[in-house]
Amino acid sequence: MSTAIERKKQVVADIAEKLKDSKSTILTDYRGLTVAEMTELRQQLREAGVEYHVLKNTMTRRATAETDLTALDEHLVGPTAIAFSNEDVVAPAKVLHKFSKDHKALEIKGGVVEGRVVDTAEIQALADLPSHEGLLSMLLSVLQAPMRNVALAVKAVADKEGGEPEAG
């Protein structure tokens, strides 16, 4: 019996470590999804560099107690699968939100973003952010605007001076 307890302690320690190391963690209720839909979801998450595990709520509650994330305990009711992302904060939110639009059975319960417990509204806002490339494009556009305006002003002055007939 002690080996079973040791295994459970190891599982709790593993979950706690994932919670600590993860930049973004999202809890979902997957009730109603077929095996094929779950497989598709896991594949999409894997491609985005996100781990997705079905974990026992009691084990996860013990892990949240170890990591001071007990605010998540209210979401640990019913079947729960958890997405962990160590690299990208936005990736799990984007994939899960997009998938939940097409598959109403998937419900996002809440999560943790960079150590802070968040609700579904904040996860929704995170999912609606543009991609990294889109944000860089917006930044580049903002940085180029002053130079473009100066160039247009100089051109307008040059056209005005060149277009007037000379007096005399």
Protein backbone atom coordinates (compact mmCIF):
# COMPACT_ATOMS: atom_id res chain seq x y z
CA MET A 1 0.00 0.00 0.00
CA SER A 2 2.88 2.39 0.65
CA THR A 3 3.99 2.16 -2.99
CA ALA A 4 0.56 3.44 -4.09
CA ILE A 5 0.87 6.37 -1.70
CA GLU A 6 4.38 7.10 -3.00
CA ARG A 7 3.10 7.08 -6.58
CA LYS A 8 0.31 9.48 -5.66
CA LYS A 9 2.79 11.79 -3.92
CA GLN A 10 4.92 11.74 -7.07
CA VAL A 11 1.88 12.59 -9.23
CA VAL A 12 1.05 15.53 -6.94
CA ALA A 13 4.68 16.70 -7.09
CA ASP A 14 4.64 16.46 -10.91
CA ILE A 15 1.42 18.49 -11.16
CA ALA A 16 2.81 21.09 -8.74
CA GLU A 17 5.97 21.39 -10.82
CA LYS A 18 3.94 21.81 -14.02
CA LEU A 19 1.88 24.55 -12.33
CA LYS A 20 5.04 26.37 -11.20
CA ASP A 21 6.88 26.08 -14.53
CA SER A 22 3.91 26.86 -16.76
CA LYS A 23 3.50 30.36 -18.19
CA SER A 24 -0.13 29.59 -18.97
CA THR A 25 -2.39 26.89 -17.52
CA ILE A 26 -6.02 26.46 -18.56
CA LEU A 27 -8.60 24.14 -16.99
CA THR A 28 -11.30 22.68 -19.22
CA ASP A 29 -14.36 20.48 -18.91
CA TYR A 30 -14.31 18.01 -21.78
CA ARG A 31 -17.62 16.23 -21.06
CA GLY A 32 -19.44 15.45 -24.27
CA LEU A 33 -16.43 15.37 -26.57
CA THR A 34 -15.98 12.19 -28.56
CA VAL A 35 -12.69 10.30 -28.60
CA ALA A 36 -12.04 11.59 -32.12
CA GLU A 37 -12.65 15.20 -31.01
CA MET A 38 -10.35 14.78 -27.99
CA THR A 39 -7.67 13.33 -30.26
CA GLU A 40 -8.05 16.29 -32.64
CA LEU A 41 -7.82 18.75 -29.72
CA ARG A 42 -4.74 17.05 -28.29
CA GLN A 43 -3.07 17.18 -31.72
CA GLN A 44 -3.80 20.91 -32.14
CA LEU A 45 -2.46 21.62 -28.66
CA ARG A 46 0.64 19.49 -29.24
CA GLU A 47 1.37 21.40 -32.48
CA ALA A 48 1.18 24.64 -30.46
CA GLY A 49 3.66 23.26 -27.89
CA VAL A 50 1.02 22.74 -25.19
CA GLU A 51 0.68 19.69 -22.90
CA TYR A 52 -2.89 18.53 -22.24
CA HIS A 53 -3.66 16.05 -19.46
CA VAL A 54 -6.75 14.65 -17.79
CA LEU A 55 -5.90 14.77 -14.09
CA LYS A 56 -7.69 13.73 -10.93
CA ASN A 57 -9.20 16.70 -9.11
CA THR A 58 -8.03 15.52 -5.68
CA MET A 59 -4.43 15.26 -6.87
CA THR A 60 -4.64 18.67 -8.55
CA ARG A 61 -6.12 20.24 -5.38
CA ARG A 62 -3.15 18.95 -3.39
CA ALA A 63 -0.79 20.39 -6.00
CA THR A 64 -2.55 23.78 -5.90
CA ALA A 65 -2.11 23.81 -2.12
CA GLU A 66 1.64 23.30 -2.61
CA THR A 67 1.85 26.14 -5.14
CA ASP A 68 -0.46 28.69 -3.44
CA LEU A 69 -2.95 28.48 -6.30
CA THR A 70 -5.89 27.30 -4.19
CA ALA A 71 -8.17 29.76 -6.03
CA LEU A 72 -8.22 27.14 -8.81
CA ASP A 73 -9.93 24.63 -6.50
CA GLU A 74 -13.39 26.04 -7.26
CA HIS A 75 -12.89 24.95 -10.90
CA LEU A 76 -11.79 21.43 -9.97
CA VAL A 77 -15.27 19.93 -10.14
CA GLY A 78 -16.31 17.26 -12.61
CA PRO A 79 -14.10 15.95 -15.40
CA THR A 80 -11.12 18.28 -15.75
CA ALA A 81 -8.36 18.37 -18.33
CA ILE A 82 -5.54 20.86 -17.96
CA ALA A 83 -3.46 22.53 -20.68
CA PHE A 84 0.08 23.56 -19.66
CA SER A 85 2.28 25.84 -21.76
CA ASN A 86 5.86 26.56 -20.74
CA GLU A 87 6.70 28.64 -23.81
CA ASP A 88 3.76 30.72 -25.03
CA VAL A 89 1.23 32.46 -22.78
CA VAL A 90 -1.34 32.91 -25.54
CA ALA A 91 -1.16 29.56 -27.40
CA PRO A 92 -3.35 27.41 -25.13
CA ALA A 93 -6.00 30.12 -24.87
CA LYS A 94 -6.12 30.55 -28.66
CA VAL A 95 -6.31 26.82 -29.44
CA LEU A 96 -8.86 26.00 -26.72
CA HIS A 97 -11.06 29.01 -27.50
CA LYS A 98 -11.07 28.26 -31.23
CA PHE A 99 -11.83 24.60 -30.57
CA SER A 100 -14.65 25.48 -28.14
CA LYS A 101 -16.30 27.63 -30.82
CA ASP A 102 -16.60 24.60 -33.10
CA HIS A 103 -17.26 22.07 -30.32
CA LYS A 104 -19.71 23.44 -27.76
CA ALA A 105 -19.06 20.51 -25.42
CA LEU A 106 -15.61 21.89 -24.50
CA GLU A 107 -15.91 24.39 -21.66
CA ILE A 108 -13.08 26.58 -20.44
CA LYS A 109 -13.29 26.83 -16.65
CA GLY A 110 -10.43 29.15 -15.71
CA GLY A 111 -6.69 29.09 -15.40
CA VAL A 112 -3.40 30.63 -14.39
CA VAL A 113 -1.49 33.13 -16.51
CA GLU A 114 2.05 33.92 -15.38
CA GLY A 115 1.29 32.95 -11.78
CA ARG A 116 -2.04 34.81 -11.53
CA VAL A 117 -5.39 32.99 -11.37
CA VAL A 118 -7.71 34.21 -14.16
CA ASP A 119 -11.34 33.63 -15.10
CA THR A 120 -12.85 32.70 -18.45
CA ALA A 121 -13.28 36.35 -19.49
CA GLU A 122 -9.55 36.99 -19.16
CA ILE A 123 -8.76 33.80 -21.07
CA GLN A 124 -11.19 34.97 -23.78
CA ALA A 125 -9.38 38.33 -23.96
CA LEU A 126 -6.05 36.53 -24.19
CA ALA A 127 -7.36 34.35 -27.03
CA ASP A 128 -8.51 37.44 -28.94
CA LEU A 129 -5.01 38.97 -28.97
CA PRO A 130 -3.32 39.08 -32.37
CA SER A 131 -0.50 36.65 -33.03
CA HIS A 132 3.12 37.51 -32.23
CA GLU A 133 3.75 38.35 -35.89
CA GLY A 134 0.61 40.52 -35.98
CA LEU A 135 1.75 42.47 -32.91
CA LEU A 136 5.20 43.01 -34.44
CA SER A 137 3.56 44.25 -37.64
CA MET A 138 1.46 46.74 -35.66
CA LEU A 139 4.53 47.97 -33.79
CA LEU A 140 6.47 48.43 -37.03
CA SER A 141 3.58 50.40 -38.52
CA VAL A 142 3.46 52.70 -35.48
CA LEU A 143 7.23 53.25 -35.62
CA GLN A 144 7.14 54.06 -39.35
CA ALA A 145 4.24 56.56 -39.13
CA PRO A 146 6.26 59.64 -38.02
CA MET A 147 8.84 59.15 -40.79
CA ARG A 148 6.09 58.66 -43.37
CA ASN A 149 4.32 61.86 -42.21
CA VAL A 150 7.55 63.90 -42.44
CA ALA A 151 8.19 62.53 -45.93
CA LEU A 152 4.65 63.45 -47.04
CA ALA A 153 5.00 66.96 -45.57
CA VAL A 154 8.34 67.52 -47.37
CA LYS A 155 6.82 66.25 -50.62
CA ALA A 156 3.80 68.55 -50.22
CA VAL A 157 6.06 71.57 -49.64
CA ALA A 158 8.21 70.61 -52.63
CA ASP A 159 5.13 70.18 -54.85
CA LYS A 160 3.73 73.53 -53.71
CA GLU A 161 6.98 75.36 -54.37
CA GLY A 162 7.53 73.66 -57.72
CA GLY A 163 3.93 74.10 -58.88
CA GLU A 164 3.55 77.91 -58.44
CA PRO A 165 4.41 80.16 -61.36
CA GLU A 166 7.34 82.47 -60.76
CA ALA A 167 6.54 86.11 -60.18
CA GLY A 168 8.25 88.56 -62.42
